[in-house]
Amino acid sequence: MKAISPVRSVRSCYEAVCCLSEQSLAIARGGNNKSPTLEEPMNLLYDMNDCYSKLRELVPGIPQGTKVSQVEILQHVIDYIFDLQIVLE
């Protein structure tokens, strides 16, 4: 997969990464409770689905309008990061 030159501002990418980072930190920290409630796994699932949706929007080359698995989304993200590294070197 070849990277498509994105036409988006650095600020929007930064905000998206911050959004994903904040969600990741919240997930890693967990709640302050010692006993998790039954709702936490569902909230975690919805948060992760939001993250995958955001990645679909941000990474060029992911087919829009077709069903793509989470593994395929992650592979597109990895490929895109690799392509960006090559361009920056």
C-alpha atoms as a PDB file:
ATOM      1  CA  MET A   1       0.000   0.000   0.000  1.00  0.00           C
ATOM      2  CA  LYS A   2       1.314   3.400  -0.934  1.00  0.00           C
ATOM      3  CA  ALA A   3       0.665   6.454   1.179  1.00  0.00           C
ATOM      4  CA  ILE A   4      -1.541   9.104  -0.348  1.00  0.00           C
ATOM      5  CA  SER A   5      -0.433  12.652   0.275  1.00  0.00           C
ATOM      6  CA  PRO A   6      -2.896  13.768   2.942  1.00  0.00           C
ATOM      7  CA  VAL A   7      -4.484  17.183   2.618  1.00  0.00           C
ATOM      8  CA  ARG A   8      -5.277  17.915   6.246  1.00  0.00           C
ATOM      9  CA  SER A   9      -3.875  20.291   8.761  1.00  0.00           C
ATOM     10  CA  VAL A  10      -1.278  19.274  11.304  1.00  0.00           C
ATOM     11  CA  ARG A  11      -3.595  20.595  13.998  1.00  0.00           C
ATOM     12  CA  SER A  12      -6.424  18.194  13.106  1.00  0.00           C
ATOM     13  CA  CYS A  13      -4.013  15.247  13.142  1.00  0.00           C
ATOM     14  CA  TYR A  14      -2.578  16.412  16.465  1.00  0.00           C
ATOM     15  CA  GLU A  15      -6.061  16.714  17.969  1.00  0.00           C
ATOM     16  CA  ALA A  16      -6.972  13.226  16.790  1.00  0.00           C
ATOM     17  CA  VAL A  17      -3.797  11.742  18.240  1.00  0.00           C
ATOM     18  CA  CYS A  18      -4.436  13.542  21.535  1.00  0.00           C
ATOM     19  CA  CYS A  19      -7.980  12.175  21.569  1.00  0.00           C
ATOM     20  CA  LEU A  20      -6.718   8.639  21.013  1.00  0.00           C
ATOM     21  CA  SER A  21      -3.926   9.102  23.569  1.00  0.00           C
ATOM     22  CA  GLU A  22      -6.331  10.352  26.234  1.00  0.00           C
ATOM     23  CA  GLN A  23      -8.600   7.370  25.624  1.00  0.00           C
ATOM     24  CA  SER A  24      -5.647   4.988  25.770  1.00  0.00           C
ATOM     25  CA  LEU A  25      -4.453   6.505  29.042  1.00  0.00           C
ATOM     26  CA  ALA A  26      -7.928   6.297  30.527  1.00  0.00           C
ATOM     27  CA  ILE A  27      -8.151   2.646  29.537  1.00  0.00           C
ATOM     28  CA  ALA A  28      -4.689   1.863  30.924  1.00  0.00           C
ATOM     29  CA  ARG A  29      -5.361   3.610  34.223  1.00  0.00           C
ATOM     30  CA  GLY A  30      -8.710   1.964  34.673  1.00  0.00           C
ATOM     31  CA  GLY A  31     -11.111   3.201  37.280  1.00  0.00           C
ATOM     32  CA  ASN A  32     -10.246   4.180  40.825  1.00  0.00           C
ATOM     33  CA  ASN A  33     -12.512   1.382  42.011  1.00  0.00           C
ATOM     34  CA  LYS A  34     -10.984  -1.889  43.086  1.00  0.00           C
ATOM     35  CA  SER A  35     -14.018  -3.842  41.851  1.00  0.00           C
ATOM     36  CA  PRO A  36     -14.931  -3.230  38.207  1.00  0.00           C
ATOM     37  CA  THR A  37     -18.593  -2.784  37.387  1.00  0.00           C
ATOM     38  CA  LEU A  38     -20.402  -4.702  34.684  1.00  0.00           C
ATOM     39  CA  GLU A  39     -20.610  -1.577  32.512  1.00  0.00           C
ATOM     40  CA  GLU A  40     -16.837  -1.087  32.203  1.00  0.00           C
ATOM     41  CA  PRO A  41     -16.218  -3.810  29.588  1.00  0.00           C
ATOM     42  CA  MET A  42     -18.985  -2.373  27.403  1.00  0.00           C
ATOM     43  CA  ASN A  43     -17.630   1.165  27.817  1.00  0.00           C
ATOM     44  CA  LEU A  44     -14.182  -0.098  26.891  1.00  0.00           C
ATOM     45  CA  LEU A  45     -15.611  -1.777  23.796  1.00  0.00           C
ATOM     46  CA  TYR A  46     -17.359   1.425  22.710  1.00  0.00           C
ATOM     47  CA  ASP A  47     -14.180   3.458  23.337  1.00  0.00           C
ATOM     48  CA  MET A  48     -12.117   1.068  21.224  1.00  0.00           C
ATOM     49  CA  ASN A  49     -14.705   1.120  18.447  1.00  0.00           C
ATOM     50  CA  ASP A  50     -14.528   4.925  18.517  1.00  0.00           C
ATOM     51  CA  CYS A  51     -10.739   4.690  18.184  1.00  0.00           C
ATOM     52  CA  TYR A  52     -11.003   2.361  15.182  1.00  0.00           C
ATOM     53  CA  SER A  53     -13.553   4.706  13.591  1.00  0.00           C
ATOM     54  CA  LYS A  54     -11.208   7.650  14.100  1.00  0.00           C
ATOM     55  CA  LEU A  55      -8.324   5.689  12.545  1.00  0.00           C
ATOM     56  CA  ARG A  56     -10.524   4.899   9.518  1.00  0.00           C
ATOM     57  CA  GLU A  57     -11.083   8.636   9.059  1.00  0.00           C
ATOM     58  CA  LEU A  58      -7.449   9.666   9.494  1.00  0.00           C
ATOM     59  CA  VAL A  59      -5.466   7.071   7.558  1.00  0.00           C
ATOM     60  CA  PRO A  60      -5.616   7.410   3.781  1.00  0.00           C
ATOM     61  CA  GLY A  61      -5.941   4.235   1.771  1.00  0.00           C
ATOM     62  CA  ILE A  62      -8.512   2.514   3.967  1.00  0.00           C
ATOM     63  CA  PRO A  63     -11.479   1.718   1.718  1.00  0.00           C
ATOM     64  CA  GLN A  64     -14.509   3.792   2.707  1.00  0.00           C
ATOM     65  CA  GLY A  65     -17.950   2.252   2.511  1.00  0.00           C
ATOM     66  CA  THR A  66     -16.715  -1.324   2.816  1.00  0.00           C
ATOM     67  CA  LYS A  67     -16.390  -3.488   5.895  1.00  0.00           C
ATOM     68  CA  VAL A  68     -12.782  -3.644   7.057  1.00  0.00           C
ATOM     69  CA  SER A  69     -11.692  -5.714  10.049  1.00  0.00           C
ATOM     70  CA  GLN A  70      -9.855  -4.177  12.979  1.00  0.00           C
ATOM     71  CA  VAL A  71      -6.734  -6.131  12.033  1.00  0.00           C
ATOM     72  CA  GLU A  72      -6.882  -4.685   8.507  1.00  0.00           C
ATOM     73  CA  ILE A  73      -7.272  -1.171   9.929  1.00  0.00           C
ATOM     74  CA  LEU A  74      -4.213  -1.690  12.112  1.00  0.00           C
ATOM     75  CA  GLN A  75      -2.245  -3.031   9.141  1.00  0.00           C
ATOM     76  CA  HIS A  76      -3.145   0.075   7.119  1.00  0.00           C
ATOM     77  CA  VAL A  77      -2.034   2.243  10.059  1.00  0.00           C
ATOM     78  CA  ILE A  78       1.290   0.396  10.307  1.00  0.00           C
ATOM     79  CA  ASP A  79       1.848   0.680   6.546  1.00  0.00           C
ATOM     80  CA  TYR A  80       1.001   4.378   6.605  1.00  0.00           C
ATOM     81  CA  ILE A  81       3.407   5.060   9.475  1.00  0.00           C
ATOM     82  CA  PHE A  82       6.122   3.121   7.649  1.00  0.00           C
ATOM     83  CA  ASP A  83       5.509   5.133   4.456  1.00  0.00           C
ATOM     84  CA  LEU A  84       5.679   8.385   6.445  1.00  0.00           C
ATOM     85  CA  GLN A  85       9.000   7.315   7.977  1.00  0.00           C
ATOM     86  CA  ILE A  86      10.424   6.649   4.520  1.00  0.00           C
ATOM     87  CA  VAL A  87       9.278  10.045   3.256  1.00  0.00           C
ATOM     88  CA  LEU A  88      10.786  11.813   6.275  1.00  0.00           C
ATOM     89  CA  GLU A  89      14.187  10.125   5.860  1.00  0.00           C
END
